[in-house]
Protein backbone atom coordinates (compact mmCIF):
# COMPACT_ATOMS: atom_id res chain seq x y z
CA UNK A 1 81.49 141.65 74.94
CA UNK A 2 84.53 140.18 76.73
CA UNK A 3 83.71 137.81 79.55
CA UNK A 4 85.48 137.51 82.88
CA UNK A 5 87.91 134.61 83.08
CA UNK A 6 86.60 131.89 85.43
CA UNK A 7 87.86 132.79 88.83
CA UNK A 8 89.59 130.86 91.48
CA UNK A 9 89.11 130.28 95.11
CA UNK A 10 85.87 129.38 96.88
CA UNK A 11 84.39 132.23 98.82
CA UNK A 12 84.11 129.96 101.87
CA UNK A 13 87.88 130.20 102.36
CA UNK A 14 88.01 133.07 104.81
CA UNK A 15 90.30 134.11 107.59
CA UNK A 16 88.18 132.50 110.30
CA UNK A 17 88.99 129.08 108.87
CA UNK A 18 92.69 129.70 108.86
CA UNK A 19 94.92 128.17 111.47
CA UNK A 20 97.46 130.13 113.46
CA UNK A 21 100.18 128.30 111.51
CA UNK A 22 98.82 129.58 108.19
CA UNK A 23 98.71 133.16 109.39
CA UNK A 24 102.19 132.93 110.88
CA UNK A 25 103.45 131.35 107.68
CA UNK A 26 102.22 134.29 105.61
CA UNK A 27 103.83 136.86 107.92
CA UNK A 28 107.10 134.91 107.85
CA UNK A 29 106.90 134.99 104.05
CA UNK A 30 106.49 138.77 104.11
CA UNK A 31 109.40 139.07 106.54
CA UNK A 32 111.58 137.14 104.11
CA UNK A 33 110.71 139.56 101.32
CA UNK A 34 111.61 142.53 103.51
CA UNK A 35 114.90 140.97 104.62
CA UNK A 36 116.19 139.66 101.28
CA UNK A 37 117.28 143.03 99.75
CA UNK A 38 119.16 144.21 102.86
CA UNK A 39 122.33 142.03 102.91
CA UNK A 40 123.72 143.37 99.59
CA UNK A 41 120.75 142.01 97.68
CA UNK A 42 121.45 138.57 99.24
CA UNK A 43 124.42 138.42 96.86
CA UNK A 44 126.76 136.67 99.29
CA UNK A 45 126.99 132.95 100.01
CA UNK A 46 125.80 133.25 103.61
CA UNK A 47 122.92 135.53 102.57
CA UNK A 48 121.56 133.35 99.79
CA UNK A 49 122.14 130.31 102.02
CA UNK A 50 119.92 131.93 104.65
CA UNK A 51 117.37 132.76 101.95
CA UNK A 52 117.31 129.12 100.82
CA UNK A 53 116.95 127.76 104.36
CA UNK A 54 114.19 130.26 105.13
CA UNK A 55 112.32 129.33 101.95
CA UNK A 56 112.61 125.58 102.48
CA UNK A 57 111.40 125.92 106.08
CA UNK A 58 108.40 127.90 104.83
CA UNK A 59 107.65 125.17 102.31
CA UNK A 60 107.85 122.50 105.01
CA UNK A 61 105.56 124.52 107.29
CA UNK A 62 103.12 125.00 104.40
CA UNK A 63 102.95 121.23 103.89
CA UNK A 64 102.06 120.84 107.57
CA UNK A 65 99.38 123.56 107.33
CA UNK A 66 97.97 121.97 104.19
CA UNK A 67 97.72 118.64 105.97
CA UNK A 68 95.81 120.37 108.79
CA UNK A 69 93.41 122.43 106.67
CA UNK A 70 92.96 120.29 103.53
CA UNK A 71 92.23 123.39 101.43
CA UNK A 72 91.64 122.90 97.70
CA UNK A 73 94.41 124.03 95.34
CA UNK A 74 92.75 123.15 92.05
CA UNK A 75 91.16 126.61 91.56
CA UNK A 76 94.63 128.21 91.73
CA UNK A 77 96.59 125.54 89.90
CA UNK A 78 94.09 124.92 87.10
CA UNK A 79 95.13 127.72 84.72
CA UNK A 80 98.73 127.66 85.98
CA UNK A 81 99.52 123.99 85.51
CA UNK A 82 101.44 124.42 82.21
CA UNK A 83 103.50 127.24 83.72
CA UNK A 84 104.29 125.18 86.82
CA UNK A 85 105.38 122.26 84.65
CA UNK A 86 107.77 124.38 82.60
CA UNK A 87 109.06 126.09 85.75
CA UNK A 88 109.76 122.72 87.33
CA UNK A 89 111.58 121.43 84.25
CA UNK A 90 113.69 124.60 84.03
CA UNK A 91 114.56 124.36 87.74
CA UNK A 92 115.52 120.68 87.57
CA UNK A 93 117.60 121.20 84.42
CA UNK A 94 120.93 121.79 86.30
CA UNK A 95 120.60 118.27 87.76
CA UNK A 96 120.84 116.97 84.19
CA UNK A 97 124.10 118.87 83.81
CA UNK A 98 125.76 117.10 86.76
CA UNK A 99 124.81 113.53 85.77
CA UNK A 100 128.05 111.63 84.97
CA UNK A 101 128.24 110.35 81.40
CA UNK A 102 130.61 107.89 79.71
CA UNK A 103 132.98 109.40 77.10
CA UNK A 104 130.99 107.93 74.20
CA UNK A 105 127.85 109.83 75.20
CA UNK A 106 129.69 112.94 76.40
CA UNK A 107 131.21 113.26 72.92
CA UNK A 108 127.70 113.76 71.53
CA UNK A 109 126.24 115.81 74.38
CA UNK A 110 129.15 118.23 74.84
CA UNK A 111 132.23 117.64 72.67
CA UNK A 112 134.04 120.67 74.11
CA UNK A 113 133.68 119.33 77.64
CA UNK A 114 135.15 115.99 76.57
CA UNK A 115 138.04 117.76 74.85
CA UNK A 116 138.85 119.68 78.02
CA UNK A 117 138.74 116.46 80.04
CA UNK A 118 141.12 114.85 77.58
CA UNK A 119 143.49 117.78 78.03
CA UNK A 120 143.27 117.85 81.84
CA UNK A 121 142.43 114.29 82.99
CA UNK A 122 143.55 111.72 80.47
CA UNK A 123 142.76 108.84 82.82
CA UNK A 124 139.26 110.07 83.76
CA UNK A 125 137.20 111.01 80.70
CA UNK A 126 133.75 110.19 82.02
CA UNK A 127 131.91 112.87 83.94
CA UNK A 128 129.09 115.43 83.83
CA UNK A 129 128.37 118.06 81.20
CA UNK A 130 129.04 120.80 83.74
CA UNK A 131 132.65 121.87 84.06
CA UNK A 132 132.13 122.43 87.80
CA UNK A 133 129.48 120.16 89.31
CA UNK A 134 129.68 121.81 92.73
CA UNK A 135 128.92 125.29 91.38
CA UNK A 136 126.06 123.88 89.32
CA UNK A 137 124.61 122.28 92.46
CA UNK A 138 124.77 125.67 94.19
CA UNK A 139 122.85 127.24 91.30
CA UNK A 140 120.31 124.42 91.40
CA UNK A 141 119.63 125.10 95.08
CA UNK A 142 119.11 128.78 94.28
CA UNK A 143 116.69 127.82 91.54
CA UNK A 144 114.78 125.57 93.93
CA UNK A 145 114.46 128.48 96.37
CA UNK A 146 113.15 130.74 93.58
CA UNK A 147 110.64 128.07 92.56
CA UNK A 148 109.63 127.71 96.21
CA UNK A 149 109.01 131.45 96.47
CA UNK A 150 106.94 131.31 93.29
CA UNK A 151 104.86 128.49 94.75
CA UNK A 152 104.41 130.24 98.10
CA UNK A 153 103.25 133.39 96.30
CA UNK A 154 100.48 131.36 94.70
CA UNK A 155 99.33 129.32 97.71
CA UNK A 156 99.74 131.85 100.53
CA UNK A 157 97.48 134.49 98.94
CA UNK A 158 94.03 132.84 98.88
CA UNK A 159 92.18 136.09 99.69
CA UNK A 160 92.06 139.59 98.29
CA UNK A 161 93.29 140.95 101.62
CA UNK A 162 96.40 138.79 101.45
CA UNK A 163 97.13 139.96 97.91
CA UNK A 164 96.89 143.60 98.96
CA UNK A 165 99.12 142.97 101.98
CA UNK A 166 101.73 141.41 99.72
CA UNK A 167 101.61 144.35 97.31
CA UNK A 168 102.01 146.84 100.16
CA UNK A 169 104.92 144.80 101.54
CA UNK A 170 106.71 144.96 98.20
CA UNK A 171 106.13 148.71 98.11
CA UNK A 172 107.41 149.02 101.67
CA UNK A 173 110.57 147.15 100.68
CA UNK A 174 111.12 149.63 97.85
CA UNK A 175 110.57 152.60 100.12
CA UNK A 176 113.09 151.14 102.55
CA UNK A 177 115.67 151.36 99.76
CA UNK A 178 114.68 155.00 99.21
CA UNK A 179 115.26 155.65 102.91
CA UNK A 180 118.64 153.90 102.84
CA UNK A 181 119.67 156.09 99.90
CA UNK A 182 118.66 159.24 101.75
CA UNK A 183 120.73 158.11 104.73
CA UNK A 184 123.83 157.09 102.76
CA UNK A 185 123.67 160.17 100.51
CA UNK A 186 124.19 162.34 103.56
CA UNK A 187 127.58 160.61 103.97
CA UNK A 188 128.50 161.16 100.33
CA UNK A 189 127.96 157.59 99.11
CA UNK A 190 126.66 156.62 95.67
CA UNK A 191 122.97 155.89 95.09
CA UNK A 192 122.90 152.11 95.39
CA UNK A 193 120.79 151.42 98.47
CA UNK A 194 121.74 148.16 100.15
CA UNK A 195 123.07 146.75 96.86
CA UNK A 196 126.66 146.44 95.69
CA UNK A 197 125.95 148.14 92.37
CA UNK A 198 123.62 150.98 91.37
CA UNK A 199 122.45 149.03 88.31
CA UNK A 200 121.18 146.27 90.58
CA UNK A 201 119.29 148.80 92.68
CA UNK A 202 117.79 150.06 89.41
CA UNK A 203 116.70 146.50 88.57
CA UNK A 204 115.08 146.21 91.99
CA UNK A 205 113.23 149.52 91.56
CA UNK A 206 111.99 148.38 88.14
CA UNK A 207 110.12 145.64 89.98
CA UNK A 208 108.72 147.92 92.70
CA UNK A 209 107.60 151.00 90.70
CA UNK A 210 104.93 149.05 88.75
CA UNK A 211 103.60 147.79 92.09
CA UNK A 212 103.14 151.39 93.28
CA UNK A 213 101.27 152.29 90.08
CA UNK A 214 99.16 149.15 90.35
CA UNK A 215 98.14 149.96 93.92
CA UNK A 216 97.20 153.47 92.82
CA UNK A 217 95.07 152.04 90.05
CA UNK A 218 93.27 149.70 92.42
CA UNK A 219 92.52 152.24 95.16
CA UNK A 220 89.17 154.03 95.22
CA UNK A 221 89.35 157.83 95.17
CA UNK A 222 86.48 159.34 97.20
CA UNK A 223 85.32 162.66 95.77
CA UNK A 224 82.67 164.93 97.21
CA UNK A 225 80.52 167.48 95.46
CA UNK A 226 82.37 170.55 94.21
CA UNK A 227 80.49 173.85 94.59
CA UNK A 228 83.31 176.25 95.43
CA UNK A 229 87.05 176.60 95.80
CA UNK A 230 86.67 175.49 99.42
CA UNK A 231 85.24 172.18 98.24
CA UNK A 232 88.16 171.75 95.83
CA UNK A 233 90.62 172.58 98.59
CA UNK A 234 88.96 170.13 100.97
CA UNK A 235 88.94 167.39 98.32
CA UNK A 236 92.60 168.06 97.63
CA UNK A 237 93.49 167.72 101.30
CA UNK A 238 91.41 164.58 101.51
CA UNK A 239 93.28 163.10 98.54
CA UNK A 240 96.72 164.02 99.93
CA UNK A 241 95.93 162.47 103.30
CA UNK A 242 94.45 159.31 101.77
CA UNK A 243 96.22 156.15 100.66
CA UNK A 244 96.22 157.52 97.12
CA UNK A 245 98.18 160.58 98.19
CA UNK A 246 100.74 158.37 99.90
CA UNK A 247 100.96 156.21 96.79
CA UNK A 248 101.56 159.22 94.55
CA UNK A 249 104.32 160.44 96.89
CA UNK A 250 105.85 156.94 97.03
CA UNK A 251 105.76 156.62 93.24
CA UNK A 252 107.52 159.95 92.77
CA UNK A 253 110.17 158.99 95.38
CA UNK A 254 110.80 155.63 93.71
CA UNK A 255 111.04 157.13 90.22
CA UNK A 256 113.37 159.86 91.48
CA UNK A 257 115.64 157.25 93.07
CA UNK A 258 115.67 155.26 89.84
CA UNK A 259 116.68 158.44 88.02
CA UNK A 260 119.46 159.10 90.53
CA UNK A 261 120.97 155.66 89.90
CA UNK A 262 121.77 156.92 86.37
CA UNK A 263 121.18 153.41 85.08
CA UNK A 264 120.43 153.87 81.39
CA UNK A 265 119.45 150.22 81.02
CA UNK A 266 117.09 150.36 84.00
CA UNK A 267 115.39 153.61 83.03
CA UNK A 268 115.10 152.70 79.38
CA UNK A 269 113.79 149.19 80.09
CA UNK A 270 111.08 150.45 82.44
CA UNK A 271 110.03 153.14 79.99
CA UNK A 272 109.73 150.59 77.19
CA UNK A 273 107.80 148.17 79.41
CA UNK A 274 105.38 150.92 80.47
CA UNK A 275 104.69 151.82 76.86
CA UNK A 276 104.26 148.21 75.74
CA UNK A 277 101.81 147.36 78.53
CA UNK A 278 99.98 150.68 78.00
CA UNK A 279 99.34 149.54 74.44
CA UNK A 280 97.46 146.53 75.84
CA UNK A 281 95.23 148.61 78.12
CA UNK A 282 91.53 149.11 77.52
CA UNK A 283 89.29 151.66 79.24
CA UNK A 284 87.82 150.38 82.49
CA UNK A 285 84.06 150.62 82.64
CA UNK A 286 82.58 152.65 85.46
CA UNK A 287 85.72 154.71 86.07
CA UNK A 288 85.05 158.40 86.39
CA UNK A 289 86.74 160.81 84.00
CA UNK A 290 88.29 162.65 86.94
CA UNK A 291 89.86 159.49 88.33
CA UNK A 292 91.07 158.50 84.86
CA UNK A 293 92.76 161.87 84.46
CA UNK A 294 94.37 161.58 87.89
CA UNK A 295 95.79 158.17 87.13
CA UNK A 296 96.88 159.27 83.68
CA UNK A 297 98.66 162.27 85.19
CA UNK A 298 100.69 160.01 87.49
CA UNK A 299 101.66 157.71 84.61
CA UNK A 300 102.60 160.71 82.45
CA UNK A 301 104.66 162.10 85.31
CA UNK A 302 106.55 158.84 85.49
CA UNK A 303 107.03 158.61 81.74
CA UNK A 304 108.30 162.19 81.64
CA UNK A 305 110.76 161.47 84.46
CA UNK A 306 111.99 158.34 82.73
CA UNK A 307 112.37 160.14 79.41
CA UNK A 308 114.35 162.82 81.16
CA UNK A 309 116.62 160.22 82.71
CA UNK A 310 117.23 158.72 79.28
CA UNK A 311 118.55 162.00 77.88
CA UNK A 312 122.05 160.76 78.75
CA UNK A 313 121.65 157.77 76.43
CA UNK A 314 123.44 159.61 73.66
CA UNK A 315 126.34 160.30 76.01
CA UNK A 316 126.46 156.61 76.86
CA UNK A 317 126.64 155.66 73.17
CA UNK A 318 129.32 158.28 72.71
CA UNK A 319 131.36 156.77 75.51
CA UNK A 320 131.12 153.36 73.89
CA UNK A 321 132.30 154.81 70.57
CA UNK A 322 135.07 156.93 72.04
CA UNK A 323 136.32 154.56 74.74
CA UNK A 324 139.29 152.26 74.20
CA UNK A 325 138.42 148.56 74.56
CA UNK A 326 141.08 148.35 77.27
CA UNK A 327 139.03 150.81 79.35
CA UNK A 328 135.56 149.56 78.48
CA UNK A 329 135.40 145.76 78.30
CA UNK A 330 131.67 145.09 78.08
CA UNK A 331 131.62 144.79 74.29
CA UNK A 332 134.56 142.39 74.40
CA UNK A 333 132.84 140.35 77.11
CA UNK A 334 129.68 140.08 75.01
CA UNK A 335 131.68 138.93 72.01
CA UNK A 336 133.49 136.38 74.17
CA UNK A 337 130.23 135.12 75.69
CA UNK A 338 128.87 134.62 72.20
CA UNK A 339 131.90 132.51 71.36
CA UNK A 340 131.41 130.41 74.51
CA UNK A 341 127.75 129.85 73.60
CA UNK A 342 128.86 128.50 70.23
CA UNK A 343 131.28 126.09 71.95
CA UNK A 344 128.50 124.73 74.22
CA UNK A 345 125.42 125.11 71.99
CA UNK A 346 122.86 122.61 73.30
CA UNK A 347 123.42 121.95 77.00
CA UNK A 348 125.84 124.69 78.07
CA UNK A 349 129.00 124.56 80.17
CA UNK A 350 127.08 124.14 83.43
CA UNK A 351 124.91 126.51 85.46
CA UNK A 352 127.06 129.05 87.31
CA UNK A 353 130.29 128.24 85.43
CA UNK A 354 130.66 131.40 83.34
CA UNK A 355 133.27 132.77 85.76
CA UNK A 356 135.45 129.69 85.27
CA UNK A 357 134.95 129.28 81.51
CA UNK A 358 135.42 132.92 80.55
CA UNK A 359 139.21 133.25 81.19
CA UNK A 360 139.94 130.61 78.52
CA UNK A 361 138.27 132.82 75.89
CA UNK A 362 139.10 136.25 77.33
CA UNK A 363 140.12 138.99 74.91
CA UNK A 364 143.88 139.71 75.28
CA UNK A 365 143.27 143.47 75.39
CA UNK A 366 141.38 143.17 78.70
CA UNK A 367 143.22 140.20 80.18
CA UNK A 368 144.03 142.27 83.28
CA UNK A 369 140.31 142.60 84.15
CA UNK A 370 138.24 139.71 85.54
CA UNK A 371 134.58 139.68 84.49
CA UNK A 372 132.47 137.27 86.53
CA UNK A 373 129.34 137.90 84.45
CA UNK A 374 128.56 138.54 80.80
CA UNK A 375 126.64 141.81 81.40
CA UNK A 376 123.84 140.20 79.41
CA UNK A 377 121.62 137.77 81.30
CA UNK A 378 120.27 136.11 78.17
CA UNK A 379 123.71 135.45 76.73
CA UNK A 380 125.08 134.24 80.06
CA UNK A 381 122.21 131.78 80.46
CA UNK A 382 122.89 130.54 76.92
CA UNK A 383 126.53 129.89 77.75
CA UNK A 384 125.74 128.09 81.00
CA UNK A 385 122.55 126.21 80.11
CA UNK A 386 122.70 126.01 76.35
CA UNK A 387 119.78 126.35 73.97
CA UNK A 388 117.81 123.63 75.79
CA UNK A 389 118.11 125.20 79.25
CA UNK A 390 117.46 128.70 77.97
CA UNK A 391 114.47 127.43 76.02
CA UNK A 392 112.89 125.89 79.12
CA UNK A 393 113.17 129.17 81.02
CA UNK A 394 111.88 131.15 78.04
CA UNK A 395 108.83 128.92 77.59
CA UNK A 396 108.01 129.14 81.32
CA UNK A 397 108.07 132.95 81.29
CA UNK A 398 106.37 133.32 77.90
CA UNK A 399 103.54 130.97 78.89
CA UNK A 400 103.02 133.08 82.04
CA UNK A 401 102.91 136.26 79.98
CA UNK A 402 100.45 134.68 77.56
CA UNK A 403 98.00 133.88 80.36
CA UNK A 404 98.39 137.37 81.83
CA UNK A 405 98.00 139.23 78.53
CA UNK A 406 94.80 137.33 77.78
CA UNK A 407 93.43 138.09 81.23
CA UNK A 408 94.50 141.74 81.05
CA UNK A 409 92.23 142.25 78.07
CA UNK A 410 89.27 140.52 79.72
CA UNK A 411 89.22 141.17 83.46
CA UNK A 412 87.48 144.21 84.94
CA UNK A 413 88.05 143.64 88.65
CA UNK A 414 90.36 146.48 89.82
CA UNK A 415 92.57 144.25 91.98
CA UNK A 416 92.97 141.65 89.23
CA UNK A 417 93.88 144.34 86.69
CA UNK A 418 96.34 145.88 89.16
CA UNK A 419 98.06 142.53 89.73
CA UNK A 420 98.29 141.84 86.02
CA UNK A 421 99.61 145.33 85.30
CA UNK A 422 102.28 145.20 88.01
CA UNK A 423 103.46 141.77 86.93
CA UNK A 424 103.58 142.49 83.20
CA UNK A 425 105.43 145.79 83.52
CA UNK A 426 107.88 144.61 86.19
CA UNK A 427 108.84 141.26 84.66
CA UNK A 428 108.99 142.65 81.13
CA UNK A 429 111.19 145.53 82.27
CA UNK A 430 113.72 143.31 84.06
CA UNK A 431 113.80 140.93 81.09
CA UNK A 432 114.60 143.82 78.74
CA UNK A 433 117.20 145.17 81.18
CA UNK A 434 118.78 141.71 81.06
CA UNK A 435 120.05 142.54 77.58
CA UNK A 436 122.50 145.02 79.12
CA UNK A 437 123.14 143.77 82.66
CA UNK A 438 123.03 140.74 84.95
CA UNK A 439 120.20 141.47 87.40
CA UNK A 440 118.98 137.86 87.29
CA UNK A 441 122.29 136.86 88.89
CA UNK A 442 121.38 138.98 91.94
CA UNK A 443 119.34 136.68 94.22
CA UNK A 444 116.84 139.26 95.50
CA UNK A 445 116.04 140.53 92.00
CA UNK A 446 115.50 136.99 90.73
CA UNK A 447 113.39 136.26 93.83
CA UNK A 448 111.22 139.37 93.40
CA UNK A 449 110.84 138.55 89.70
CA UNK A 450 109.32 135.20 90.70
CA UNK A 451 107.04 136.88 93.26
CA UNK A 452 105.76 139.32 90.61
CA UNK A 453 105.29 136.47 88.14
CA UNK A 454 103.25 134.60 90.76
CA UNK A 455 101.17 137.69 91.51
CA UNK A 456 100.40 138.04 87.81
CA UNK A 457 99.07 134.48 87.72
CA UNK A 458 97.00 135.23 90.80
CA UNK A 459 95.60 138.17 88.86
CA UNK A 460 94.31 135.61 86.37
CA UNK A 461 92.42 133.66 89.04
CA UNK A 462 91.53 136.06 91.85
CA UNK A 463 87.83 136.26 92.70
CA UNK A 464 86.13 139.62 91.94
CA UNK A 465 84.83 141.59 94.91
CA UNK A 466 81.16 140.89 95.66
CA UNK A 467 78.90 143.60 94.35
CA UNK A 468 76.47 145.14 96.75
CA UNK A 469 72.85 144.31 96.16
CA UNK A 470 71.02 147.20 94.52
């Protein structure tokens, strides 16, 4: 019989021992998560600058609160230490790209960069691997903010109540996007919420929909005795008016909004992630057949909706086959990005430099169109960070998934299972979607990805609820 993974925090850490600073810090963290999607997904310099400042202030305040409370972190960090190490290495990697090197070493590290320097600056051949050190520094600061959010997700949720509050905040952020769409649709605008592009809204919803399902899975459904149709009617009203009824309604609203974005990559990626994680699931002991059927019905409703939204996939393929490359440049951009990755194989051209490198390799047929991203996150990261930088990110995420998959097959605590489920589906879906879009270049989507990854690791370590004495 599978055993529960050793759990994390000491039960003595309760809210009465918390300082006012710690409580305020957590609410400021939630406020940041609610704010980040609103200014165009924080995809403007001033918006991501505010996000960075907010995050770094939270980290500084956390250090002060830690000095005051002296709370142990070992129970949280124990299982997560390898992940944190890889995350730190991946985040610090852009600093390696802006270290100045003499020409003799640069010729081995990045021959193409040296060649370009010889063509442009014959008198100054030494310099960094990155073709634009300033842009790489900007990307490094973003990465530090994402790492800070990941860390805060781990250390600011020491209790089950905090974890639930964070899940409900993420759901509330998603429902806010649904409300924005309802408002803007009345003025005839496209379904894109507060984002610039509907595909980026789809990426955001991919992260929120699994949270709604996870909350539904973790909520208890009270059911009374059924002796007549009146009892059934009463139980139905009780369900609709309960948190579960609200969660079902929220899930349907979120899925409907995802469908309305008409993002084939987003719908298809979420469907595939749902099916892959469903294959890992095992029946939960002690769950009533009625509750299992109710939860299964919601999941089937979602899968059916997603399958319906993917009906247009054939039309999308048809458009790719029938469309002139001058009208549809994504395939040409992907081919060009692959060529750039071959020119900078190990260490890349510098984080954030795709926009500046791409014109040199641009296909003549689409020279009149400027593409600032590769429409493939994985390929763009390869061009900018090389095989080494991409490998560090991949190992960090894969090691997180490995811990979560192991725990998902062993844990029986409803909250832990819900956290693991939400994290696995959400992060897997956005990673798959990255094969056809650039959601990781949108600050709020990258930020929420890190939050969900942190919640998954908390699902590995969260303490089970105390059972009542029989």
